Every structure is written in structure tokens, then in C-alpha cells.
Amino acid sequence: MKDIKKEADRWWRQSQADFAFLQKIVKFGKADTVCFLSQQTAEKALKAYLFYSSAEFYNQKDAEQAIELAGQVISSRSLTGRFIYR
């Protein structure tokens, strides 16, 4: 696998780019598209956190399972200063 921190950064940058795009398209009123892309953006940010935390993460599609795993990681660590937003 690629360097885990680089992989985290790649997912984080993609989520930030998607978020910037969402801020532009929300004004067009396509709620279904905005909701779908928002979920995708959140999933990418979550993947970034999981990779950054060196959690066991295998590119799963199941967002619910990813959220549960993130909760386990969060509850097992102190987050202070662990994730740097760019």
C-alpha cells in the first residue's frame, strides 16, 4: 500500500475539492444531487481520517461500517492535534 499519510492526504484533498464544488452547485436547487455529493464528500473525509489514524481500513463501500470503525478509532485516541486541516 502507498504511504498511509500520503493516502490520507489524497482523500482529504479530494474531499475539500468536492466540498468547494458543492458550495457552488447548491444554489442551483438540485437537492438530490447535492445530498448525494455531500454524502460522497463526507465519506472521503472519513476515509482520510481513517487512513491518517492508521486504522484497519480496506477501501470499503459500506459507509455505516466506516463510521462505526471511525468511532472506534476516535474513542481509542485523543484527537488533539492529530489531524491537520489544510
Protein backbone atom coordinates (compact mmCIF):
# COMPACT_ATOMS: atom_id res chain seq x y z
CA MET A 1 0.00 0.00 0.00
CA LYS A 2 1.08 3.55 -0.60
CA ASP A 3 2.40 5.56 2.29
CA ILE A 4 -0.58 5.80 4.61
CA LYS A 5 -0.15 9.52 5.32
CA LYS A 6 0.01 10.30 1.59
CA GLU A 7 -3.14 8.28 1.07
CA ALA A 8 -4.85 10.22 3.87
CA ASP A 9 -3.77 13.49 2.27
CA ARG A 10 -5.05 12.37 -1.14
CA TRP A 11 -8.50 11.56 0.28
CA TRP A 12 -8.56 14.82 2.29
CA ARG A 13 -7.67 16.98 -0.73
CA GLN A 14 -10.35 15.25 -2.80
CA SER A 15 -12.98 15.84 -0.09
CA GLN A 16 -12.02 19.51 0.10
CA ALA A 17 -12.24 19.92 -3.68
CA ASP A 18 -15.66 18.23 -3.65
CA PHE A 19 -16.81 20.47 -0.80
CA ALA A 20 -15.77 23.59 -2.72
CA PHE A 21 -17.72 22.30 -5.73
CA LEU A 22 -20.78 21.66 -3.53
CA GLN A 23 -20.73 25.24 -2.30
CA LYS A 24 -21.03 26.37 -5.93
CA ILE A 25 -23.77 23.99 -7.08
CA VAL A 26 -26.05 24.22 -4.04
CA LYS A 27 -27.55 27.43 -5.42
CA PHE A 28 -28.99 25.54 -8.41
CA GLY A 29 -31.51 23.78 -6.18
CA LYS A 30 -30.80 20.19 -7.20
CA ALA A 31 -31.31 18.78 -3.70
CA ASP A 32 -30.96 15.13 -4.74
CA THR A 33 -27.60 15.73 -6.40
CA VAL A 34 -26.35 17.93 -3.57
CA CYS A 35 -27.34 15.31 -0.99
CA PHE A 36 -25.62 12.52 -2.90
CA LEU A 37 -22.43 14.52 -3.44
CA SER A 38 -22.47 15.65 0.20
CA GLN A 39 -22.53 12.02 1.34
CA GLN A 40 -19.65 11.21 -1.01
CA THR A 41 -17.68 14.20 0.27
CA ALA A 42 -18.21 13.17 3.89
CA GLU A 43 -17.16 9.60 3.11
CA LYS A 44 -13.92 10.83 1.53
CA ALA A 45 -13.15 12.98 4.58
CA LEU A 46 -13.87 9.98 6.82
CA LYS A 47 -11.55 7.79 4.75
CA ALA A 48 -8.86 10.46 5.10
CA TYR A 49 -9.22 10.36 8.88
CA LEU A 50 -9.15 6.56 8.98
CA PHE A 51 -6.02 6.38 6.83
CA TYR A 52 -4.39 9.13 8.88
CA SER A 53 -5.16 7.24 12.07
CA SER A 54 -3.59 4.08 10.62
CA ALA A 55 -6.82 2.22 11.27
CA GLU A 56 -7.51 -1.09 9.60
CA PHE A 57 -9.31 0.19 6.58
CA TYR A 58 -9.82 -1.66 3.34
CA ASN A 59 -11.49 0.81 0.95
CA GLN A 60 -14.93 -0.41 1.91
CA LYS A 61 -18.07 0.91 0.28
CA ASP A 62 -20.25 0.50 3.36
CA ALA A 63 -20.40 3.98 4.90
CA GLU A 64 -22.12 2.68 8.04
CA GLN A 65 -19.28 0.25 8.68
CA ALA A 66 -16.74 3.03 8.04
CA ILE A 67 -18.49 5.32 10.52
CA GLU A 68 -18.51 2.55 13.15
CA LEU A 69 -14.78 1.99 12.59
CA ALA A 70 -14.11 5.73 12.87
CA GLY A 71 -16.00 5.79 16.17
CA GLN A 72 -13.79 3.00 17.48
CA VAL A 73 -10.66 4.86 16.41
CA ILE A 74 -11.89 8.14 17.91
CA SER A 75 -12.83 6.56 21.22
CA SER A 76 -9.43 4.87 21.48
CA ARG A 77 -7.35 8.03 20.90
CA SER A 78 -7.06 11.63 21.83
CA LEU A 79 -7.77 13.75 18.75
CA THR A 80 -6.00 16.87 19.97
CA GLY A 81 -3.53 17.89 17.29
CA ARG A 82 -3.81 14.57 15.47
CA PHE A 83 -5.40 15.72 12.21
CA ILE A 84 -4.26 18.83 10.41
CA TYR A 85 -6.82 20.54 8.19
CA ARG A 86 -5.37 22.17 5.09
